[in-house]
Amino acid sequence: MRAGNGGKIVNGSSARKPHRLSIVIPAAGDAVPLEETLVSVLENRPPDCEVIAVHGCDYADPWGIGDEVRLLRAPRRTNIVGCINLGIAAASGRVIHVLAAGWRGTDGWTDQPVEAIASGRADVVVPLGVAADDHDRAVSAGIRHTAGGRRVSLTRASAGDSGRPTCPELEAGFWSAEMLAAIGAGFATACGPDLADADAAAAVACAGGTVMLEPSSRVIVGPPRRRARAFRAGLHAERLFWRSLPGTSPVRGLVLHAGEWLRDLAGSAPLGTLPMLLGRLAALVQFGSCMRRAALLRALRAQAAAVGPEAAPHRERTIRIDGPHPRLAEPKRQEPLPPLRRSA
């Protein structure tokens, strides 16, 4: 592994000048995927870059990479969204790249996305996710968030085949630090890990952000995360819709959302239909919790409209901080896993 410029955290921030790029590696599960991602990042590490690994698992650093990577221990029971937010809070880069444990970088995968954001051509860049056994076979090209509150995974590199992405997948994306600050200093936990990226997509759209797919940036897709069960899936899906509604036409959104109810209830039949319905009804009872989010989206839309599209993406942004993030719960303690074999 190449030696890098390690950093120490002083009062929660880097003591050095800001980097061009911060790579945040969230690891809410075990240590093996974390080490796979670390090896790929350090083998292909770009210049002027800091690497921050936020782990909710027991990781003893058997390779002694503390001088190359900032290792942050997340509280118990922190999920991937919480780990990402901790990494973003510690990052000093003008561009922040999220690369989840189990996903791997390839040679030069950060070059074009960082240049696109640094030059102002994009606020958010979606890398192309490729299969582990064939780096020419695209299996992920970001996500699309619809007006009805649906998250659609895109699997084709061609915009004509699957539509242009409105956001990267939660596990892998390049973000302007300015954009992340404008939409809420990270990802919201209200919609769970499965829909946190779609929730962010709605805010980026309201802010007038430019999202670009970069096929030359290739990341090897990791194993899929365990999806939420029917009740939580319904709860989070309903929250996503109401949190995103201020960013679209209300009438059109409500019509499309009725179709999403029918689609999800049919898709979860027979055993999951009732839990899915109960989850959506529970979210309706909590409707008031979306009011602050609605105000933020309306403010972002008003600001984007006032600045005008001709000024994007070099427009100035007003960063709104509604309040501190809720304290994260601590992750379950796990047994230490054997260290990675010396293959790098």
Protein backbone atom coordinates (compact mmCIF):
# COMPACT_ATOMS: atom_id res chain seq x y z
CA MET A 1 0.00 0.00 0.00
CA ARG A 2 1.33 3.43 -0.90
CA ALA A 3 2.03 5.84 1.86
CA GLY A 4 -0.45 8.70 1.97
CA ASN A 5 -0.87 11.96 3.80
CA GLY A 6 -2.62 10.98 6.98
CA GLY A 7 -4.55 13.47 9.03
CA LYS A 8 -5.49 13.90 12.66
CA ILE A 9 -8.77 15.25 13.88
CA VAL A 10 -8.60 18.28 16.12
CA ASN A 11 -11.92 19.25 17.76
CA GLY A 12 -13.80 17.26 15.11
CA SER A 13 -12.13 18.79 12.04
CA SER A 14 -8.94 18.34 10.07
CA ALA A 15 -5.97 20.40 11.29
CA ARG A 16 -4.73 20.77 7.69
CA LYS A 17 -6.00 22.82 4.78
CA PRO A 18 -9.00 21.41 2.90
CA HIS A 19 -8.35 18.56 0.50
CA ARG A 20 -9.50 18.42 -3.09
CA LEU A 21 -11.23 15.09 -2.38
CA SER A 22 -12.46 13.22 0.70
CA ILE A 23 -13.32 9.53 0.31
CA VAL A 24 -15.78 8.39 2.98
CA ILE A 25 -16.03 4.63 3.50
CA PRO A 26 -19.03 3.66 5.69
CA ALA A 27 -18.91 0.18 7.19
CA ALA A 28 -21.93 -0.66 9.31
CA GLY A 29 -21.43 -4.42 9.07
CA ASP A 30 -18.40 -6.66 9.44
CA ALA A 31 -14.75 -5.86 8.79
CA VAL A 32 -14.08 -8.03 5.72
CA PRO A 33 -15.89 -5.77 3.19
CA LEU A 34 -14.24 -2.74 4.81
CA GLU A 35 -10.77 -4.16 4.22
CA GLU A 36 -11.62 -5.03 0.59
CA THR A 37 -12.65 -1.45 -0.06
CA LEU A 38 -9.64 0.00 1.77
CA VAL A 39 -7.25 -2.09 -0.33
CA SER A 40 -8.86 -0.91 -3.59
CA VAL A 41 -8.82 2.74 -2.50
CA LEU A 42 -5.22 2.75 -1.28
CA GLU A 43 -3.97 0.90 -4.35
CA ASN A 44 -5.61 3.49 -6.64
CA ARG A 45 -5.45 6.50 -4.35
CA PRO A 46 -5.59 9.86 -6.17
CA PRO A 47 -3.46 12.86 -5.13
CA ASP A 48 -4.63 15.48 -2.62
CA CYS A 49 -7.07 13.06 -1.08
CA GLU A 50 -8.03 12.02 2.43
CA VAL A 51 -9.61 8.67 3.25
CA ILE A 52 -12.06 8.40 6.15
CA ALA A 53 -13.37 4.99 7.19
CA VAL A 54 -16.32 5.07 9.59
CA HIS A 55 -16.93 1.62 11.04
CA GLY A 56 -19.71 0.37 13.24
CA CYS A 57 -17.94 -2.97 13.58
CA ASP A 58 -14.92 -4.00 15.61
CA TYR A 59 -11.86 -3.23 13.52
CA ALA A 60 -8.41 -3.60 15.09
CA ASP A 61 -6.45 -2.12 12.13
CA PRO A 62 -4.18 -5.16 11.65
CA TRP A 63 -2.33 -3.40 8.80
CA GLY A 64 -1.48 -0.33 10.84
CA ILE A 65 -2.93 2.09 8.29
CA GLY A 66 -3.77 4.80 10.80
CA ASP A 67 -1.30 7.16 9.11
CA GLU A 68 -3.02 6.72 5.74
CA VAL A 69 -6.67 6.43 6.76
CA ARG A 70 -8.65 8.22 9.42
CA LEU A 71 -10.51 5.47 11.27
CA LEU A 72 -13.63 6.67 13.08
CA ARG A 73 -15.60 4.36 15.36
CA ALA A 74 -19.37 4.87 15.04
CA PRO A 75 -21.66 4.42 18.07
CA ARG A 76 -23.39 1.11 18.59
CA ARG A 77 -26.16 0.12 16.13
CA THR A 78 -25.30 2.92 13.69
CA ASN A 79 -26.55 2.04 10.20
CA ILE A 80 -24.94 2.99 6.90
CA VAL A 81 -26.69 6.38 6.79
CA GLY A 82 -25.33 7.30 10.20
CA CYS A 83 -21.82 6.16 9.24
CA ILE A 84 -21.93 8.26 6.07
CA ASN A 85 -23.05 11.34 7.98
CA LEU A 86 -20.26 10.94 10.52
CA GLY A 87 -17.75 10.72 7.68
CA ILE A 88 -19.18 13.78 5.93
CA ALA A 89 -18.99 15.77 9.16
CA ALA A 90 -15.29 14.86 9.51
CA ALA A 91 -14.40 15.46 5.86
CA SER A 92 -12.51 18.53 4.66
CA GLY A 93 -12.66 17.88 0.90
CA ARG A 94 -14.34 20.17 -1.60
CA VAL A 95 -15.59 16.98 -3.24
CA ILE A 96 -16.89 14.14 -1.05
CA HIS A 97 -16.99 10.63 -2.44
CA VAL A 98 -19.01 7.98 -0.63
CA LEU A 99 -17.84 4.42 -1.32
CA ALA A 100 -19.48 1.85 0.93
CA ALA A 101 -17.62 -1.11 2.38
CA GLY A 102 -17.73 -3.96 -0.12
CA TRP A 103 -17.70 -1.62 -3.10
CA ARG A 104 -14.30 -1.10 -4.74
CA GLY A 105 -12.57 1.65 -6.66
CA THR A 106 -10.66 1.09 -9.89
CA ASP A 107 -7.74 2.81 -11.59
CA GLY A 108 -8.52 6.52 -12.09
CA TRP A 109 -12.14 6.22 -10.98
CA THR A 110 -12.12 9.60 -9.21
CA ASP A 111 -10.44 11.68 -11.93
CA GLN A 112 -13.38 12.75 -14.10
CA PRO A 113 -15.98 13.14 -11.31
CA VAL A 114 -13.68 15.38 -9.27
CA GLU A 115 -12.88 17.46 -12.34
CA ALA A 116 -16.56 17.78 -13.26
CA ILE A 117 -17.49 19.07 -9.81
CA ALA A 118 -14.39 21.26 -9.43
CA SER A 119 -15.01 22.89 -12.81
CA GLY A 120 -18.67 23.56 -12.02
CA ARG A 121 -20.10 21.24 -14.67
CA ALA A 122 -21.89 19.15 -12.04
CA ASP A 123 -22.90 19.24 -8.40
CA VAL A 124 -23.31 15.46 -8.10
CA VAL A 125 -21.68 12.74 -10.20
CA VAL A 126 -22.90 9.16 -10.54
CA PRO A 127 -20.17 6.57 -11.14
CA LEU A 128 -20.89 3.50 -13.22
CA GLY A 129 -21.23 0.36 -11.11
CA VAL A 130 -19.74 -2.71 -12.80
CA ALA A 131 -19.79 -6.41 -12.03
CA ALA A 132 -16.89 -7.91 -10.11
CA ASP A 133 -16.30 -10.58 -12.77
CA ASP A 134 -16.60 -8.25 -15.77
CA HIS A 135 -15.62 -4.59 -15.49
CA ASP A 136 -17.25 -3.86 -18.85
CA ARG A 137 -20.67 -5.06 -17.69
CA ALA A 138 -22.64 -2.22 -16.10
CA VAL A 139 -25.01 -3.24 -13.33
CA SER A 140 -25.68 0.12 -11.67
CA ALA A 141 -26.09 3.66 -13.02
CA GLY A 142 -27.61 5.51 -10.09
CA ILE A 143 -31.28 5.91 -9.20
CA ARG A 144 -34.31 7.88 -10.32
CA HIS A 145 -36.82 9.39 -7.90
CA THR A 146 -40.32 9.79 -9.32
CA ALA A 147 -43.04 12.31 -8.48
CA GLY A 148 -45.15 9.51 -7.02
CA GLY A 149 -42.50 8.69 -4.43
CA ARG A 150 -40.87 5.71 -6.10
CA ARG A 151 -37.16 4.87 -6.13
CA VAL A 152 -36.07 3.27 -9.38
CA SER A 153 -32.65 1.61 -9.65
CA LEU A 154 -31.01 2.27 -13.01
CA THR A 155 -28.94 -0.55 -14.44
CA ARG A 156 -27.99 0.71 -17.91
CA ALA A 157 -25.25 3.20 -18.73
CA SER A 158 -27.28 4.63 -21.62
CA ALA A 159 -29.67 7.42 -20.68
CA GLY A 160 -31.98 6.30 -23.46
CA ASP A 161 -32.43 2.86 -21.95
CA SER A 162 -33.23 3.67 -18.35
CA GLY A 163 -33.56 7.44 -18.06
CA ARG A 164 -31.11 9.91 -16.59
CA PRO A 165 -30.28 9.39 -12.90
CA THR A 166 -31.44 11.95 -10.38
CA CYS A 167 -29.01 10.76 -7.71
CA PRO A 168 -26.24 8.24 -7.11
CA GLU A 169 -26.95 5.14 -5.10
CA LEU A 170 -26.32 5.64 -1.41
CA GLU A 171 -23.28 3.34 -1.56
CA ALA A 172 -21.33 5.16 -4.28
CA GLY A 173 -21.49 8.78 -5.39
CA PHE A 174 -19.51 12.01 -5.75
CA TRP A 175 -20.93 15.11 -4.11
CA SER A 176 -19.99 18.74 -3.97
CA ALA A 177 -19.47 19.58 -0.30
CA GLU A 178 -21.45 22.75 -0.98
CA MET A 179 -24.43 20.75 -2.26
CA LEU A 180 -24.38 18.39 0.72
CA ALA A 181 -24.37 21.36 3.08
CA ALA A 182 -27.25 23.01 1.22
CA ILE A 183 -29.53 19.96 1.33
CA GLY A 184 -29.02 19.28 5.03
CA ALA A 185 -25.37 18.42 5.78
CA GLY A 186 -25.76 14.79 4.80
CA PHE A 187 -28.46 12.16 4.36
CA ALA A 188 -31.68 12.04 6.37
CA THR A 189 -32.46 8.96 8.44
CA ALA A 190 -36.26 9.34 8.18
CA CYS A 191 -36.59 7.14 5.09
CA GLY A 192 -34.13 4.45 6.17
CA PRO A 193 -31.07 3.22 4.25
CA ASP A 194 -33.18 1.88 1.36
CA LEU A 195 -34.62 5.28 0.42
CA ALA A 196 -32.11 7.79 1.82
CA ASP A 197 -30.66 8.36 -1.65
CA ALA A 198 -34.10 9.03 -3.16
CA ASP A 199 -34.81 11.46 -0.31
CA ALA A 200 -31.58 13.29 -1.16
CA ALA A 201 -32.51 13.28 -4.86
CA ALA A 202 -35.65 15.31 -4.11
CA ALA A 203 -33.59 17.93 -2.27
CA VAL A 204 -30.96 18.12 -5.03
CA ALA A 205 -33.71 18.68 -7.60
CA CYS A 206 -35.25 21.48 -5.52
CA ALA A 207 -31.83 23.11 -5.17
CA GLY A 208 -31.42 23.07 -8.94
CA GLY A 209 -28.42 20.77 -8.69
CA THR A 210 -26.84 19.22 -11.77
CA VAL A 211 -26.52 15.41 -11.62
CA MET A 212 -24.25 13.76 -14.17
CA LEU A 213 -23.54 10.12 -15.01
CA GLU A 214 -19.83 9.53 -15.66
CA PRO A 215 -19.25 6.17 -17.42
CA SER A 216 -15.45 6.51 -17.22
CA SER A 217 -15.68 6.38 -13.42
CA ARG A 218 -16.13 2.71 -12.61
CA VAL A 219 -16.70 1.18 -9.19
CA ILE A 220 -17.08 -2.52 -8.54
CA VAL A 221 -20.47 -3.15 -7.00
CA GLY A 222 -20.54 -4.82 -3.60
CA PRO A 223 -23.02 -7.30 -2.17
CA PRO A 224 -26.61 -6.03 -1.81
CA ARG A 225 -27.78 -4.81 1.56
CA ARG A 226 -30.58 -6.55 3.39
CA ARG A 227 -33.81 -4.75 2.56
CA ALA A 228 -36.33 -3.58 5.13
CA ARG A 229 -39.31 -5.77 5.91
CA ALA A 230 -42.79 -4.88 4.73
CA PHE A 231 -43.82 -2.61 7.61
CA ARG A 232 -40.67 -0.50 7.53
CA ALA A 233 -40.69 -0.50 3.74
CA GLY A 234 -44.20 0.96 3.75
CA LEU A 235 -43.36 3.43 6.51
CA HIS A 236 -40.26 4.74 4.73
CA ALA A 237 -41.92 4.84 1.30
CA GLU A 238 -44.81 6.94 2.60
CA ARG A 239 -42.44 9.27 4.42
CA LEU A 240 -40.42 9.69 1.24
CA PHE A 241 -43.47 10.82 -0.71
CA TRP A 242 -44.68 13.41 1.76
CA ARG A 243 -41.17 14.70 2.42
CA SER A 244 -40.66 15.11 -1.35
CA LEU A 245 -44.09 16.46 -2.34
CA PRO A 246 -43.12 20.17 -2.10
CA GLY A 247 -40.61 19.55 -4.88
CA THR A 248 -43.20 18.56 -7.48
CA SER A 249 -46.73 19.31 -8.68
CA PRO A 250 -49.03 18.27 -5.78
CA VAL A 251 -51.91 17.11 -8.02
CA ARG A 252 -49.68 15.06 -10.31
CA GLY A 253 -47.78 13.68 -7.33
CA LEU A 254 -50.93 12.55 -5.51
CA VAL A 255 -52.27 10.81 -8.61
CA LEU A 256 -49.02 8.95 -9.20
CA HIS A 257 -48.75 8.16 -5.48
CA ALA A 258 -52.11 6.38 -5.53
CA GLY A 259 -50.67 4.11 -8.19
CA GLU A 260 -47.63 3.47 -5.98
CA TRP A 261 -49.92 2.32 -3.17
CA LEU A 262 -51.55 -0.22 -5.46
CA ARG A 263 -48.24 -1.36 -6.91
CA ASP A 264 -46.59 -1.87 -3.52
CA LEU A 265 -49.58 -3.57 -1.94
CA ALA A 266 -49.85 -5.97 -4.88
CA GLY A 267 -46.11 -6.59 -4.90
CA SER A 268 -46.05 -7.45 -1.18
CA ALA A 269 -49.01 -9.88 -1.37
CA PRO A 270 -50.02 -12.02 0.29
CA LEU A 271 -48.05 -12.03 3.54
CA GLY A 272 -46.61 -8.54 3.32
CA THR A 273 -49.73 -6.66 2.24
CA LEU A 274 -51.07 -5.90 5.71
CA PRO A 275 -47.70 -4.88 7.22
CA MET A 276 -47.02 -2.68 4.18
CA LEU A 277 -50.41 -1.00 4.57
CA LEU A 278 -49.91 -0.49 8.29
CA GLY A 279 -46.50 1.05 7.68
CA ARG A 280 -47.92 3.56 5.21
CA LEU A 281 -50.78 4.43 7.56
CA ALA A 282 -48.30 4.92 10.41
CA ALA A 283 -46.39 7.41 8.26
CA LEU A 284 -49.61 9.34 7.60
CA VAL A 285 -50.17 9.64 11.35
CA GLN A 286 -46.65 11.13 11.58
CA PHE A 287 -47.36 13.61 8.80
CA GLY A 288 -46.41 16.58 10.99
CA SER A 289 -42.80 15.40 11.14
CA CYS A 290 -42.44 16.31 7.44
CA MET A 291 -43.19 20.00 7.96
CA ARG A 292 -39.61 21.07 8.59
CA ARG A 293 -38.44 19.14 5.57
CA ALA A 294 -41.16 20.72 3.44
CA ALA A 295 -40.01 24.18 4.52
CA LEU A 296 -36.43 23.35 3.53
CA LEU A 297 -37.45 22.14 0.07
CA ARG A 298 -39.58 25.23 -0.52
CA ALA A 299 -36.64 27.42 0.51
CA LEU A 300 -34.31 25.55 -1.84
CA ARG A 301 -36.76 25.92 -4.73
CA ALA A 302 -37.23 29.63 -4.06
CA GLN A 303 -33.49 30.21 -3.92
CA ALA A 304 -32.87 28.23 -7.10
CA ALA A 305 -35.62 30.18 -8.89
CA ALA A 306 -34.22 33.50 -7.67
CA VAL A 307 -30.71 32.72 -8.87
CA GLY A 308 -31.89 31.30 -12.18
CA PRO A 309 -30.57 28.38 -14.20
CA GLU A 310 -28.14 30.53 -16.17
CA ALA A 311 -26.01 30.99 -13.04
CA ALA A 312 -25.86 27.31 -12.09
CA PRO A 313 -23.76 25.58 -10.98
CA HIS A 314 -21.63 28.54 -9.84
CA ARG A 315 -24.47 30.10 -7.88
CA GLU A 316 -24.02 30.95 -4.26
CA ARG A 317 -25.96 28.85 -1.80
CA THR A 318 -27.40 29.71 1.58
CA ILE A 319 -26.70 26.84 3.91
CA ARG A 320 -29.61 26.21 6.21
CA ILE A 321 -29.10 24.16 9.35
CA ASP A 322 -32.41 23.40 11.00
CA GLY A 323 -30.88 21.81 14.04
CA PRO A 324 -28.40 19.20 15.19
CA HIS A 325 -28.69 15.65 13.95
CA PRO A 326 -30.36 13.32 16.44
CA ARG A 327 -27.93 11.32 18.48
CA LEU A 328 -27.12 8.07 16.79
CA ALA A 329 -27.80 4.80 18.50
CA GLU A 330 -24.84 2.51 19.09
CA PRO A 331 -24.36 -0.55 16.87
CA LYS A 332 -24.48 -4.09 18.14
CA ARG A 333 -21.14 -5.44 19.24
CA GLN A 334 -19.71 -8.11 16.99
CA GLU A 335 -16.86 -10.56 17.37
CA PRO A 336 -13.59 -9.43 15.70
CA LEU A 337 -13.03 -11.03 12.31
CA PRO A 338 -9.72 -12.37 11.01
CA PRO A 339 -7.52 -9.77 9.26
CA LEU A 340 -7.21 -9.49 5.52
CA ARG A 341 -4.56 -11.70 3.93
CA ARG A 342 -1.58 -9.86 2.52
CA SER A 343 -2.63 -9.60 -1.09
CA ALA A 344 -1.91 -5.93 -1.73
